[in-house]
Amino acid sequence: MAQTIADITVTTAWQSINTLSSISVGTEIIVDNKTIAVVLMSEGTQPSADSKQGVPLTTYADNLSSRTIKSGSLEVWIRVESDTGTARIVAQEG
């Protein structure tokens, strides 16, 4: 039986997807948004708290609800695009 991958709650603060998922920086990661909230992703150093720049991971009903972070990438940061609310994602090694 396959191991269950726990959902990760994303907030309005920038959070390291590598830390939250326990997947090492530089490892290929597949990220899926499981909610209707848009999630922003940014690679490199932690963005400033008020930054809303990043690649969108859109809603589960859209074709852009899944992204692959390539191996060799820097640390990846995520946050909910809006100023309120949360989202749920799942992240797994690619």
C-alpha atoms as a PDB file:
ATOM      1  CA  MET A   1       0.000   0.000   0.000  1.00  0.00           C
ATOM      2  CA  ALA A   2       1.328   3.458  -0.923  1.00  0.00           C
ATOM      3  CA  GLN A   3       2.331   5.885   1.782  1.00  0.00           C
ATOM      4  CA  THR A   4      -0.114   8.752   2.312  1.00  0.00           C
ATOM      5  CA  ILE A   5       1.332  12.200   1.625  1.00  0.00           C
ATOM      6  CA  ALA A   6       0.102  14.741   4.150  1.00  0.00           C
ATOM      7  CA  ASP A   7      -1.426  18.022   2.996  1.00  0.00           C
ATOM      8  CA  ILE A   8       0.520  21.196   3.720  1.00  0.00           C
ATOM      9  CA  THR A   9      -1.365  24.293   4.861  1.00  0.00           C
ATOM     10  CA  VAL A  10      -0.176  27.454   3.115  1.00  0.00           C
ATOM     11  CA  THR A  11      -0.752  30.819   4.805  1.00  0.00           C
ATOM     12  CA  THR A  12      -0.307  34.466   3.830  1.00  0.00           C
ATOM     13  CA  ALA A  13       3.302  34.390   5.079  1.00  0.00           C
ATOM     14  CA  TRP A  14       6.143  33.150   2.876  1.00  0.00           C
ATOM     15  CA  GLN A  15       7.043  29.594   3.932  1.00  0.00           C
ATOM     16  CA  SER A  16       9.749  27.244   2.661  1.00  0.00           C
ATOM     17  CA  ILE A  17       8.171  24.346   0.819  1.00  0.00           C
ATOM     18  CA  ASN A  18      11.405  22.424   1.392  1.00  0.00           C
ATOM     19  CA  THR A  19      11.098  22.800   5.172  1.00  0.00           C
ATOM     20  CA  LEU A  20       7.349  22.085   5.241  1.00  0.00           C
ATOM     21  CA  SER A  21       7.659  18.966   3.089  1.00  0.00           C
ATOM     22  CA  SER A  22      11.006  17.753   4.493  1.00  0.00           C
ATOM     23  CA  ILE A  23      12.306  17.539   0.909  1.00  0.00           C
ATOM     24  CA  SER A  24      15.891  18.708   0.508  1.00  0.00           C
ATOM     25  CA  VAL A  25      16.698  21.845  -1.473  1.00  0.00           C
ATOM     26  CA  GLY A  26      17.719  20.856  -4.996  1.00  0.00           C
ATOM     27  CA  THR A  27      15.455  17.796  -5.171  1.00  0.00           C
ATOM     28  CA  GLU A  28      12.770  17.684  -7.883  1.00  0.00           C
ATOM     29  CA  ILE A  29       9.364  18.359  -6.281  1.00  0.00           C
ATOM     30  CA  ILE A  30       5.861  18.020  -7.717  1.00  0.00           C
ATOM     31  CA  VAL A  31       3.449  20.493  -6.091  1.00  0.00           C
ATOM     32  CA  ASP A  32      -0.344  20.323  -6.441  1.00  0.00           C
ATOM     33  CA  ASN A  33      -2.808  22.953  -5.218  1.00  0.00           C
ATOM     34  CA  LYS A  34      -5.870  21.236  -3.728  1.00  0.00           C
ATOM     35  CA  THR A  35      -7.975  24.343  -3.090  1.00  0.00           C
ATOM     36  CA  ILE A  36      -9.554  27.307  -4.872  1.00  0.00           C
ATOM     37  CA  ALA A  37      -7.010  29.758  -3.407  1.00  0.00           C
ATOM     38  CA  VAL A  38      -4.161  30.895  -5.663  1.00  0.00           C
ATOM     39  CA  VAL A  39      -0.705  30.112  -4.252  1.00  0.00           C
ATOM     40  CA  LEU A  40       2.461  32.001  -5.235  1.00  0.00           C
ATOM     41  CA  MET A  41       5.827  30.253  -5.560  1.00  0.00           C
ATOM     42  CA  SER A  42       9.243  31.943  -5.548  1.00  0.00           C
ATOM     43  CA  GLU A  43      12.706  30.393  -5.831  1.00  0.00           C
ATOM     44  CA  GLY A  44      15.818  31.643  -4.029  1.00  0.00           C
ATOM     45  CA  THR A  45      16.047  33.670  -0.842  1.00  0.00           C
ATOM     46  CA  GLN A  46      12.943  34.324   1.240  1.00  0.00           C
ATOM     47  CA  PRO A  47      10.886  37.138  -0.322  1.00  0.00           C
ATOM     48  CA  SER A  48       9.981  40.173   1.767  1.00  0.00           C
ATOM     49  CA  ALA A  49       6.825  39.740   3.836  1.00  0.00           C
ATOM     50  CA  ASP A  50       4.758  42.073   1.634  1.00  0.00           C
ATOM     51  CA  SER A  51       5.981  40.669  -1.701  1.00  0.00           C
ATOM     52  CA  LYS A  52       3.391  39.179  -4.023  1.00  0.00           C
ATOM     53  CA  GLN A  53       5.793  38.330  -6.820  1.00  0.00           C
ATOM     54  CA  GLY A  54       6.086  34.736  -7.881  1.00  0.00           C
ATOM     55  CA  VAL A  55       4.758  32.065 -10.184  1.00  0.00           C
ATOM     56  CA  PRO A  56       1.056  31.351  -9.550  1.00  0.00           C
ATOM     57  CA  LEU A  57      -0.144  27.888  -8.692  1.00  0.00           C
ATOM     58  CA  THR A  58      -3.802  28.291  -9.566  1.00  0.00           C
ATOM     59  CA  THR A  59      -6.926  26.481  -8.486  1.00  0.00           C
ATOM     60  CA  TYR A  60      -7.515  22.750  -8.710  1.00  0.00           C
ATOM     61  CA  ALA A  61     -10.053  23.323 -11.523  1.00  0.00           C
ATOM     62  CA  ASP A  62      -7.383  24.971 -13.709  1.00  0.00           C
ATOM     63  CA  ASN A  63      -4.650  23.358 -15.782  1.00  0.00           C
ATOM     64  CA  LEU A  64      -2.009  25.240 -13.770  1.00  0.00           C
ATOM     65  CA  SER A  65      -2.790  23.651 -10.410  1.00  0.00           C
ATOM     66  CA  SER A  66       0.309  21.457 -10.596  1.00  0.00           C
ATOM     67  CA  ARG A  67       3.955  22.491 -11.001  1.00  0.00           C
ATOM     68  CA  THR A  68       7.219  20.608 -11.089  1.00  0.00           C
ATOM     69  CA  ILE A  69      10.214  22.210  -9.417  1.00  0.00           C
ATOM     70  CA  LYS A  70      13.254  20.945 -11.297  1.00  0.00           C
ATOM     71  CA  SER A  71      16.154  19.223  -9.586  1.00  0.00           C
ATOM     72  CA  GLY A  72      18.997  21.610  -8.819  1.00  0.00           C
ATOM     73  CA  SER A  73      16.600  24.438  -7.927  1.00  0.00           C
ATOM     74  CA  LEU A  74      17.200  26.765  -5.013  1.00  0.00           C
ATOM     75  CA  GLU A  75      14.942  26.853  -1.951  1.00  0.00           C
ATOM     76  CA  VAL A  76      11.283  27.343  -2.943  1.00  0.00           C
ATOM     77  CA  TRP A  77       8.954  29.663  -1.020  1.00  0.00           C
ATOM     78  CA  ILE A  78       5.144  29.648  -1.087  1.00  0.00           C
ATOM     79  CA  ARG A  79       2.300  31.807   0.184  1.00  0.00           C
ATOM     80  CA  VAL A  80      -1.384  32.416  -0.504  1.00  0.00           C
ATOM     81  CA  GLU A  81      -1.772  35.272  -2.993  1.00  0.00           C
ATOM     82  CA  SER A  82      -4.569  37.013  -1.074  1.00  0.00           C
ATOM     83  CA  ASP A  83      -4.038  38.815   2.230  1.00  0.00           C
ATOM     84  CA  THR A  84      -6.390  36.442   4.069  1.00  0.00           C
ATOM     85  CA  GLY A  85      -7.121  32.752   4.069  1.00  0.00           C
ATOM     86  CA  THR A  86      -5.179  29.557   3.582  1.00  0.00           C
ATOM     87  CA  ALA A  87      -4.664  26.922   0.924  1.00  0.00           C
ATOM     88  CA  ARG A  88      -3.780  23.234   0.951  1.00  0.00           C
ATOM     89  CA  ILE A  89      -1.106  21.747  -1.235  1.00  0.00           C
ATOM     90  CA  VAL A  90       0.589  18.392  -1.534  1.00  0.00           C
ATOM     91  CA  ALA A  91       4.302  18.155  -2.326  1.00  0.00           C
ATOM     92  CA  GLN A  92       6.184  15.017  -3.267  1.00  0.00           C
ATOM     93  CA  GLU A  93       9.556  14.140  -4.689  1.00  0.00           C
ATOM     94  CA  GLY A  94       9.488  13.965  -8.480  1.00  0.00           C
END
